[in-house]
Amino acid sequence: MDKQVVYGGHSTVLIKMGKAVIVTDPNLSTRIWTIRRKSKPGLTQAQLETVNLVLISHGHYDHLDLRTVRRLQRDAVVVVPKGLERYFVRYGFKDVRTLAWWEQTTVHGLRIVAVPAKHFQGRNPLVRSEYQGYVIDGGFQLYFAGDTGWFDGFKEIGSIFRLDLALLPIGAYKPWSAFGHHMTPENCIRAMEDLQVKHMIPIHWGAFRLSLEPLDEPVRRLKQAAQRAGLGDTVVVLEPGQAFPLQAK
């Protein structure tokens, strides 16, 4: 299929659009430090080897996993927030581009725009880097939010773009919505309304136990919130390995 997304688990999504095969925040590892992965990754090494564009939202260990990065082809174009380029240069990637909020670049015929997020810096005390989401525009407009809490920036993003699909995080919110840096499922529905997006696929759930809620709670609450808001038909929950076709309407 020419245009589709395949959910790899956590915040890792494989996106096929025209000549581009994109992976977001690639993490197929079995653990983050001592936290073991609870679900099998939905992507294979063969699929990783087809990737020619890598989008990194920020430097936290569950989003910038160097063990998975080392499995990528070195001729893939990499787009990162400022401060993270050093990791990819170190591993021999040939085309590493840094973007700040609202900056853009063109890769394989697609316009890639970095957009704001509400999160926080940090990987270790010596590496300061930013955080962001991305809009991928190739006729079909796809928004990868990365890791974020709810914020007014969703309204601004929704006013600038005509989004066909959003990949929005729904997990790691207890206690207290992870202090505002992650979204609850209900926040996610509010973000969908602000973005005026046609479809949404939830990410950042089910793979790693990063907070106190049960692993299956985010999806259950999301489906309930979507039904209450009359958005049940616009929310597409994918299990790792499942695909969704990209069709602009």
C-alpha atoms as a PDB file:
ATOM      1  CA  MET A   1       0.000   0.000   0.000  1.00  0.00           C
ATOM      2  CA  ASP A   2       1.391   3.405  -1.029  1.00  0.00           C
ATOM      3  CA  LYS A   3       0.162   5.422   1.953  1.00  0.00           C
ATOM      4  CA  GLN A   4      -0.346   3.885   5.370  1.00  0.00           C
ATOM      5  CA  VAL A   5       0.744   3.964   8.984  1.00  0.00           C
ATOM      6  CA  VAL A   6       1.791   0.890  10.957  1.00  0.00           C
ATOM      7  CA  TYR A   7       1.793   1.115  14.752  1.00  0.00           C
ATOM      8  CA  GLY A   8       5.059  -0.138  16.200  1.00  0.00           C
ATOM      9  CA  GLY A   9       4.136   0.365  19.843  1.00  0.00           C
ATOM     10  CA  HIS A  10       4.708   3.186  22.343  1.00  0.00           C
ATOM     11  CA  SER A  11       5.454   6.273  20.183  1.00  0.00           C
ATOM     12  CA  THR A  12       6.975   4.356  17.280  1.00  0.00           C
ATOM     13  CA  VAL A  13       4.959   4.567  14.057  1.00  0.00           C
ATOM     14  CA  LEU A  14       6.009   3.599  10.535  1.00  0.00           C
ATOM     15  CA  ILE A  15       4.533   5.995   7.967  1.00  0.00           C
ATOM     16  CA  LYS A  16       4.572   5.371   4.215  1.00  0.00           C
ATOM     17  CA  MET A  17       3.853   8.437   2.088  1.00  0.00           C
ATOM     18  CA  GLY A  18       4.987   8.450  -1.528  1.00  0.00           C
ATOM     19  CA  LYS A  19       8.748   7.949  -1.673  1.00  0.00           C
ATOM     20  CA  ALA A  20       9.165   8.398   2.080  1.00  0.00           C
ATOM     21  CA  VAL A  21       9.210   5.640   4.682  1.00  0.00           C
ATOM     22  CA  ILE A  22       9.195   7.436   8.017  1.00  0.00           C
ATOM     23  CA  VAL A  23       9.663   6.193  11.554  1.00  0.00           C
ATOM     24  CA  THR A  24       8.800   8.277  14.610  1.00  0.00           C
ATOM     25  CA  ASP A  25      10.700   7.969  17.915  1.00  0.00           C
ATOM     26  CA  PRO A  26      11.951   4.446  17.082  1.00  0.00           C
ATOM     27  CA  ASN A  27      12.028   2.126  20.088  1.00  0.00           C
ATOM     28  CA  LEU A  28      11.840  -1.642  19.596  1.00  0.00           C
ATOM     29  CA  SER A  29      13.885  -2.495  22.696  1.00  0.00           C
ATOM     30  CA  THR A  30      12.813  -4.978  25.346  1.00  0.00           C
ATOM     31  CA  ARG A  31      13.463  -2.566  28.220  1.00  0.00           C
ATOM     32  CA  ILE A  32      14.125   1.013  29.278  1.00  0.00           C
ATOM     33  CA  TRP A  33      16.687   0.726  32.052  1.00  0.00           C
ATOM     34  CA  THR A  34      14.912  -1.716  34.429  1.00  0.00           C
ATOM     35  CA  ILE A  35      11.431  -1.228  32.936  1.00  0.00           C
ATOM     36  CA  ARG A  36      10.593  -4.245  30.779  1.00  0.00           C
ATOM     37  CA  ARG A  37       8.485  -3.957  27.662  1.00  0.00           C
ATOM     38  CA  LYS A  38       5.002  -5.446  28.127  1.00  0.00           C
ATOM     39  CA  SER A  39       3.963  -5.874  24.489  1.00  0.00           C
ATOM     40  CA  LYS A  40       5.830  -7.202  21.481  1.00  0.00           C
ATOM     41  CA  PRO A  41       7.027  -4.497  19.046  1.00  0.00           C
ATOM     42  CA  GLY A  42       4.896  -4.172  15.947  1.00  0.00           C
ATOM     43  CA  LEU A  43       7.789  -3.591  13.520  1.00  0.00           C
ATOM     44  CA  THR A  44      10.504  -5.932  12.270  1.00  0.00           C
ATOM     45  CA  GLN A  45      14.138  -5.355  11.397  1.00  0.00           C
ATOM     46  CA  ALA A  46      13.244  -5.723   7.716  1.00  0.00           C
ATOM     47  CA  GLN A  47      10.743  -2.865   8.055  1.00  0.00           C
ATOM     48  CA  LEU A  48      13.304  -0.715   9.865  1.00  0.00           C
ATOM     49  CA  GLU A  49      15.728  -1.204   7.007  1.00  0.00           C
ATOM     50  CA  THR A  50      13.275   0.435   4.588  1.00  0.00           C
ATOM     51  CA  VAL A  51      13.176   3.681   6.604  1.00  0.00           C
ATOM     52  CA  ASN A  52      14.576   6.741   4.830  1.00  0.00           C
ATOM     53  CA  LEU A  53      13.327   9.461   7.225  1.00  0.00           C
ATOM     54  CA  VAL A  54      13.553   9.479  11.031  1.00  0.00           C
ATOM     55  CA  LEU A  55      11.631  11.974  13.206  1.00  0.00           C
ATOM     56  CA  ILE A  56      12.673  12.392  16.848  1.00  0.00           C
ATOM     57  CA  SER A  57      10.414  14.404  19.145  1.00  0.00           C
ATOM     58  CA  HIS A  58      12.721  14.702  22.169  1.00  0.00           C
ATOM     59  CA  GLY A  59      15.542  13.029  24.031  1.00  0.00           C
ATOM     60  CA  HIS A  60      13.866  11.015  26.799  1.00  0.00           C
ATOM     61  CA  TYR A  61      15.004   7.401  26.838  1.00  0.00           C
ATOM     62  CA  ASP A  62      11.657   5.932  25.767  1.00  0.00           C
ATOM     63  CA  HIS A  63      11.662   8.162  22.650  1.00  0.00           C
ATOM     64  CA  LEU A  64      15.358   8.280  21.714  1.00  0.00           C
ATOM     65  CA  ASP A  65      16.432   4.657  22.098  1.00  0.00           C
ATOM     66  CA  LEU A  66      19.998   4.317  20.889  1.00  0.00           C
ATOM     67  CA  ARG A  67      19.827   0.522  20.595  1.00  0.00           C
ATOM     68  CA  THR A  68      17.082   0.924  17.994  1.00  0.00           C
ATOM     69  CA  VAL A  69      18.817   3.894  16.358  1.00  0.00           C
ATOM     70  CA  ARG A  70      21.850   1.690  15.661  1.00  0.00           C
ATOM     71  CA  ARG A  71      19.577  -0.656  13.671  1.00  0.00           C
ATOM     72  CA  LEU A  72      18.593   2.062  11.163  1.00  0.00           C
ATOM     73  CA  GLN A  73      20.176   2.656   7.758  1.00  0.00           C
ATOM     74  CA  ARG A  74      22.816   5.405   7.918  1.00  0.00           C
ATOM     75  CA  ASP A  75      21.596   7.087   4.721  1.00  0.00           C
ATOM     76  CA  ALA A  76      18.199   7.857   6.289  1.00  0.00           C
ATOM     77  CA  VAL A  77      17.536  11.570   6.778  1.00  0.00           C
ATOM     78  CA  VAL A  78      17.157  12.404  10.487  1.00  0.00           C
ATOM     79  CA  VAL A  79      15.190  15.374  11.846  1.00  0.00           C
ATOM     80  CA  VAL A  80      15.682  16.246  15.512  1.00  0.00           C
ATOM     81  CA  PRO A  81      15.209  19.100  17.975  1.00  0.00           C
ATOM     82  CA  LYS A  82      18.307  21.181  18.583  1.00  0.00           C
ATOM     83  CA  GLY A  83      20.690  19.464  20.975  1.00  0.00           C
ATOM     84  CA  LEU A  84      20.110  15.870  19.835  1.00  0.00           C
ATOM     85  CA  GLU A  85      22.015  15.898  16.555  1.00  0.00           C
ATOM     86  CA  ARG A  86      25.213  14.715  18.282  1.00  0.00           C
ATOM     87  CA  TYR A  87      23.851  11.187  18.800  1.00  0.00           C
ATOM     88  CA  PHE A  88      23.153  10.630  15.125  1.00  0.00           C
ATOM     89  CA  VAL A  89      26.385  12.220  13.935  1.00  0.00           C
ATOM     90  CA  ARG A  90      28.238   9.935  16.326  1.00  0.00           C
ATOM     91  CA  TYR A  91      26.610   6.871  14.765  1.00  0.00           C
ATOM     92  CA  GLY A  92      27.477   7.943  11.238  1.00  0.00           C
ATOM     93  CA  PHE A  93      24.167   9.264   9.876  1.00  0.00           C
ATOM     94  CA  LYS A  94      24.944  11.377   6.821  1.00  0.00           C
ATOM     95  CA  ASP A  95      22.055  13.884   6.796  1.00  0.00           C
ATOM     96  CA  VAL A  96      21.001  15.137  10.246  1.00  0.00           C
ATOM     97  CA  ARG A  97      18.798  18.244  10.349  1.00  0.00           C
ATOM     98  CA  THR A  98      17.792  20.264  13.405  1.00  0.00           C
ATOM     99  CA  LEU A  99      14.554  22.214  13.579  1.00  0.00           C
ATOM    100  CA  ALA A 100      13.081  24.580  16.153  1.00  0.00           C
ATOM    101  CA  TRP A 101       9.355  25.278  16.552  1.00  0.00           C
ATOM    102  CA  TRP A 102       7.764  26.432  13.270  1.00  0.00           C
ATOM    103  CA  GLU A 103      10.900  25.771  11.235  1.00  0.00           C
ATOM    104  CA  GLN A 104      10.548  23.410   8.288  1.00  0.00           C
ATOM    105  CA  THR A 105      12.501  21.307   5.844  1.00  0.00           C
ATOM    106  CA  THR A 106      11.708  19.270   2.729  1.00  0.00           C
ATOM    107  CA  VAL A 107      12.575  15.570   2.596  1.00  0.00           C
ATOM    108  CA  HIS A 108      11.631  13.111  -0.187  1.00  0.00           C
ATOM    109  CA  GLY A 109       9.031  15.540  -1.500  1.00  0.00           C
ATOM    110  CA  LEU A 110       7.372  16.061   1.897  1.00  0.00           C
ATOM    111  CA  ARG A 111       7.252  19.262   3.926  1.00  0.00           C
ATOM    112  CA  ILE A 112       8.239  18.593   7.556  1.00  0.00           C
ATOM    113  CA  VAL A 113       7.244  21.313  10.036  1.00  0.00           C
ATOM    114  CA  ALA A 114       8.331  21.273  13.683  1.00  0.00           C
ATOM    115  CA  VAL A 115       5.464  22.363  15.950  1.00  0.00           C
ATOM    116  CA  PRO A 116       5.258  23.188  19.662  1.00  0.00           C
ATOM    117  CA  ALA A 117       4.597  20.729  22.474  1.00  0.00           C
ATOM    118  CA  LYS A 118       4.162  20.963  26.242  1.00  0.00           C
ATOM    119  CA  HIS A 119       6.815  18.726  27.767  1.00  0.00           C
ATOM    120  CA  PHE A 120      10.239  19.067  29.404  1.00  0.00           C
ATOM    121  CA  GLN A 121      13.907  18.809  28.558  1.00  0.00           C
ATOM    122  CA  GLY A 122      16.437  16.290  29.710  1.00  0.00           C
ATOM    123  CA  ARG A 123      18.271  13.092  28.969  1.00  0.00           C
ATOM    124  CA  ASN A 124      21.170  13.611  31.301  1.00  0.00           C
ATOM    125  CA  PRO A 125      22.497  16.788  32.978  1.00  0.00           C
ATOM    126  CA  LEU A 126      25.071  17.310  30.217  1.00  0.00           C
ATOM    127  CA  VAL A 127      22.657  17.096  27.281  1.00  0.00           C
ATOM    128  CA  ARG A 128      20.093  19.887  27.037  1.00  0.00           C
ATOM    129  CA  SER A 129      17.698  19.575  24.147  1.00  0.00           C
ATOM    130  CA  GLU A 130      14.274  20.744  23.075  1.00  0.00           C
ATOM    131  CA  TYR A 131      11.008  18.887  22.477  1.00  0.00           C
ATOM    132  CA  GLN A 132       8.471  19.185  19.664  1.00  0.00           C
ATOM    133  CA  GLY A 133       5.970  17.502  17.389  1.00  0.00           C
ATOM    134  CA  TYR A 134       5.896  17.411  13.596  1.00  0.00           C
ATOM    135  CA  VAL A 135       3.398  17.982  10.812  1.00  0.00           C
ATOM    136  CA  ILE A 136       4.132  15.938   7.689  1.00  0.00           C
ATOM    137  CA  ASP A 137       2.568  17.500   4.602  1.00  0.00           C
ATOM    138  CA  GLY A 138       2.472  15.591   1.347  1.00  0.00           C
ATOM    139  CA  GLY A 139      -1.065  16.353   0.192  1.00  0.00           C
ATOM    140  CA  PHE A 140      -2.195  14.252   3.137  1.00  0.00           C
ATOM    141  CA  GLN A 141      -1.428  16.113   6.405  1.00  0.00           C
ATOM    142  CA  LEU A 142      -0.328  13.996   9.370  1.00  0.00           C
ATOM    143  CA  TYR A 143       0.501  15.356  12.829  1.00  0.00           C
ATOM    144  CA  PHE A 144       2.831  13.440  15.153  1.00  0.00           C
ATOM    145  CA  ALA A 145       2.558  15.106  18.558  1.00  0.00           C
ATOM    146  CA  GLY A 146       5.529  13.336  20.155  1.00  0.00           C
ATOM    147  CA  ASP A 147       5.118  13.608  23.932  1.00  0.00           C
ATOM    148  CA  THR A 148       2.974  16.420  25.286  1.00  0.00           C
ATOM    149  CA  GLY A 149       0.423  17.549  27.783  1.00  0.00           C
ATOM    150  CA  TRP A 150      -2.685  19.397  26.673  1.00  0.00           C
ATOM    151  CA  PHE A 151      -1.990  23.054  25.853  1.00  0.00           C
ATOM    152  CA  ASP A 152      -3.451  25.935  23.862  1.00  0.00           C
ATOM    153  CA  GLY A 153      -0.957  25.222  21.079  1.00  0.00           C
ATOM    154  CA  PHE A 154      -3.298  22.555  19.717  1.00  0.00           C
ATOM    155  CA  LYS A 155      -5.723  25.303  18.672  1.00  0.00           C
ATOM    156  CA  GLU A 156      -2.947  27.161  16.869  1.00  0.00           C
ATOM    157  CA  ILE A 157      -1.781  24.023  15.064  1.00  0.00           C
ATOM    158  CA  GLY A 158      -5.370  23.245  14.085  1.00  0.00           C
ATOM    159  CA  SER A 159      -5.859  26.754  12.715  1.00  0.00           C
ATOM    160  CA  ILE A 160      -2.760  26.579  10.493  1.00  0.00           C
ATOM    161  CA  PHE A 161      -3.099  23.070   9.070  1.00  0.00           C
ATOM    162  CA  ARG A 162      -5.979  21.003   7.681  1.00  0.00           C
ATOM    163  CA  LEU A 163      -5.049  17.801   9.461  1.00  0.00           C
ATOM    164  CA  ASP A 164      -6.181  14.439   8.134  1.00  0.00           C
ATOM    165  CA  LEU A 165      -4.657  12.325  10.919  1.00  0.00           C
ATOM    166  CA  ALA A 166      -3.127  12.978  14.343  1.00  0.00           C
ATOM    167  CA  LEU A 167      -0.959  10.623  16.382  1.00  0.00           C
ATOM    168  CA  LEU A 168      -1.621  11.694  19.974  1.00  0.00           C
ATOM    169  CA  PRO A 169      -0.223  10.304  23.259  1.00  0.00           C
ATOM    170  CA  ILE A 170      -2.667   8.958  25.851  1.00  0.00           C
ATOM    171  CA  GLY A 171      -0.589   7.167  28.522  1.00  0.00           C
ATOM    172  CA  ALA A 172       1.647   7.859  31.548  1.00  0.00           C
ATOM    173  CA  TYR A 173      -0.703  10.345  33.235  1.00  0.00           C
ATOM    174  CA  LYS A 174      -0.925   9.174  36.862  1.00  0.00           C
ATOM    175  CA  PRO A 175      -0.357  10.794  39.270  1.00  0.00           C
ATOM    176  CA  TRP A 176      -1.907  14.152  38.369  1.00  0.00           C
ATOM    177  CA  SER A 177      -1.558  13.802  34.595  1.00  0.00           C
ATOM    178  CA  ALA A 178       2.201  13.421  35.115  1.00  0.00           C
ATOM    179  CA  PHE A 179       2.325  17.034  36.314  1.00  0.00           C
ATOM    180  CA  GLY A 180       0.873  18.387  33.090  1.00  0.00           C
ATOM    181  CA  HIS A 181       3.486  16.880  30.767  1.00  0.00           C
ATOM    182  CA  HIS A 182       1.308  13.996  29.529  1.00  0.00           C
ATOM    183  CA  MET A 183      -2.318  13.841  28.408  1.00  0.00           C
ATOM    184  CA  THR A 184      -5.129  11.841  29.902  1.00  0.00           C
ATOM    185  CA  PRO A 185      -7.441  10.127  27.399  1.00  0.00           C
ATOM    186  CA  GLU A 186      -9.975  12.889  28.066  1.00  0.00           C
ATOM    187  CA  ASN A 187      -7.315  15.532  27.324  1.00  0.00           C
ATOM    188  CA  CYS A 188      -6.677  13.721  24.049  1.00  0.00           C
ATOM    189  CA  ILE A 189     -10.307  14.107  22.971  1.00  0.00           C
ATOM    190  CA  ARG A 190     -10.136  17.791  23.845  1.00  0.00           C
ATOM    191  CA  ALA A 191      -6.961  18.068  21.747  1.00  0.00           C
ATOM    192  CA  MET A 192      -8.731  16.385  18.809  1.00  0.00           C
ATOM    193  CA  GLU A 193     -11.469  18.989  18.965  1.00  0.00           C
ATOM    194  CA  ASP A 194      -8.916  21.826  19.098  1.00  0.00           C
ATOM    195  CA  LEU A 195      -7.001  20.359  16.146  1.00  0.00           C
ATOM    196  CA  GLN A 196     -10.186  19.789  14.094  1.00  0.00           C
ATOM    197  CA  VAL A 197      -8.561  16.577  12.889  1.00  0.00           C
ATOM    198  CA  LYS A 198     -10.395  13.996  10.794  1.00  0.00           C
ATOM    199  CA  HIS A 199      -8.937  10.860  12.446  1.00  0.00           C
ATOM    200  CA  MET A 200      -6.741  10.128  15.451  1.00  0.00           C
ATOM    201  CA  ILE A 201      -4.553   7.152  16.354  1.00  0.00           C
ATOM    202  CA  PRO A 202      -3.491   6.955  20.019  1.00  0.00           C
ATOM    203  CA  ILE A 203       0.187   6.365  20.821  1.00  0.00           C
ATOM    204  CA  HIS A 204       2.313   6.194  23.992  1.00  0.00           C
ATOM    205  CA  TRP A 205       0.339   3.423  25.669  1.00  0.00           C
ATOM    206  CA  GLY A 206       0.582  -0.291  26.433  1.00  0.00           C
ATOM    207  CA  ALA A 207       4.307  -0.938  25.935  1.00  0.00           C
ATOM    208  CA  PHE A 208       6.058   0.357  29.066  1.00  0.00           C
ATOM    209  CA  ARG A 209       4.730   0.870  32.584  1.00  0.00           C
ATOM    210  CA  LEU A 210       5.919   4.456  33.096  1.00  0.00           C
ATOM    211  CA  SER A 211       3.299   5.595  35.603  1.00  0.00           C
ATOM    212  CA  LEU A 212       0.660   4.287  37.988  1.00  0.00           C
ATOM    213  CA  GLU A 213      -2.383   3.613  35.781  1.00  0.00           C
ATOM    214  CA  PRO A 214      -2.981   0.034  34.505  1.00  0.00           C
ATOM    215  CA  LEU A 215      -1.594  -0.511  31.022  1.00  0.00           C
ATOM    216  CA  ASP A 216      -5.028  -1.140  29.500  1.00  0.00           C
ATOM    217  CA  GLU A 217      -6.736   1.826  31.163  1.00  0.00           C
ATOM    218  CA  PRO A 218      -5.775   4.582  28.665  1.00  0.00           C
ATOM    219  CA  VAL A 219      -7.456   2.885  25.702  1.00  0.00           C
ATOM    220  CA  ARG A 220     -10.570   1.993  27.714  1.00  0.00           C
ATOM    221  CA  ARG A 221     -10.966   5.571  28.920  1.00  0.00           C
ATOM    222  CA  LEU A 222     -10.228   6.939  25.436  1.00  0.00           C
ATOM    223  CA  LYS A 223     -12.991   4.897  23.824  1.00  0.00           C
ATOM    224  CA  GLN A 224     -15.468   5.974  26.500  1.00  0.00           C
ATOM    225  CA  ALA A 225     -14.498   9.643  26.160  1.00  0.00           C
ATOM    226  CA  ALA A 226     -14.720   9.461  22.370  1.00  0.00           C
ATOM    227  CA  GLN A 227     -18.239   8.032  22.527  1.00  0.00           C
ATOM    228  CA  ARG A 228     -19.361  10.726  24.961  1.00  0.00           C
ATOM    229  CA  ALA A 229     -17.984  13.415  22.628  1.00  0.00           C
ATOM    230  CA  GLY A 230     -19.548  11.860  19.535  1.00  0.00           C
ATOM    231  CA  LEU A 231     -16.092  11.122  18.087  1.00  0.00           C
ATOM    232  CA  GLY A 232     -16.151   7.330  18.245  1.00  0.00           C
ATOM    233  CA  ASP A 233     -15.851   6.951  14.467  1.00  0.00           C
ATOM    234  CA  THR A 234     -12.808   9.231  14.272  1.00  0.00           C
ATOM    235  CA  VAL A 235     -10.660   7.386  16.856  1.00  0.00           C
ATOM    236  CA  VAL A 236      -8.707   4.438  15.415  1.00  0.00           C
ATOM    237  CA  VAL A 237      -7.022   2.214  18.003  1.00  0.00           C
ATOM    238  CA  LEU A 238      -4.256   0.068  16.497  1.00  0.00           C
ATOM    239  CA  GLU A 239      -2.527  -2.819  18.194  1.00  0.00           C
ATOM    240  CA  PRO A 240       1.224  -3.143  17.488  1.00  0.00           C
ATOM    241  CA  GLY A 241       1.683  -4.327  13.897  1.00  0.00           C
ATOM    242  CA  GLN A 242      -1.726  -3.154  12.665  1.00  0.00           C
ATOM    243  CA  ALA A 243      -1.974  -0.694   9.769  1.00  0.00           C
ATOM    244  CA  PHE A 244      -4.282   2.172   8.789  1.00  0.00           C
ATOM    245  CA  PRO A 245      -4.541   3.542   5.217  1.00  0.00           C
ATOM    246  CA  LEU A 246      -3.924   7.239   4.619  1.00  0.00           C
ATOM    247  CA  GLN A 247      -6.620   8.719   2.449  1.00  0.00           C
ATOM    248  CA  ALA A 248      -7.277  12.453   2.386  1.00  0.00           C
ATOM    249  CA  LYS A 249     -10.968  13.368   2.151  1.00  0.00           C
END
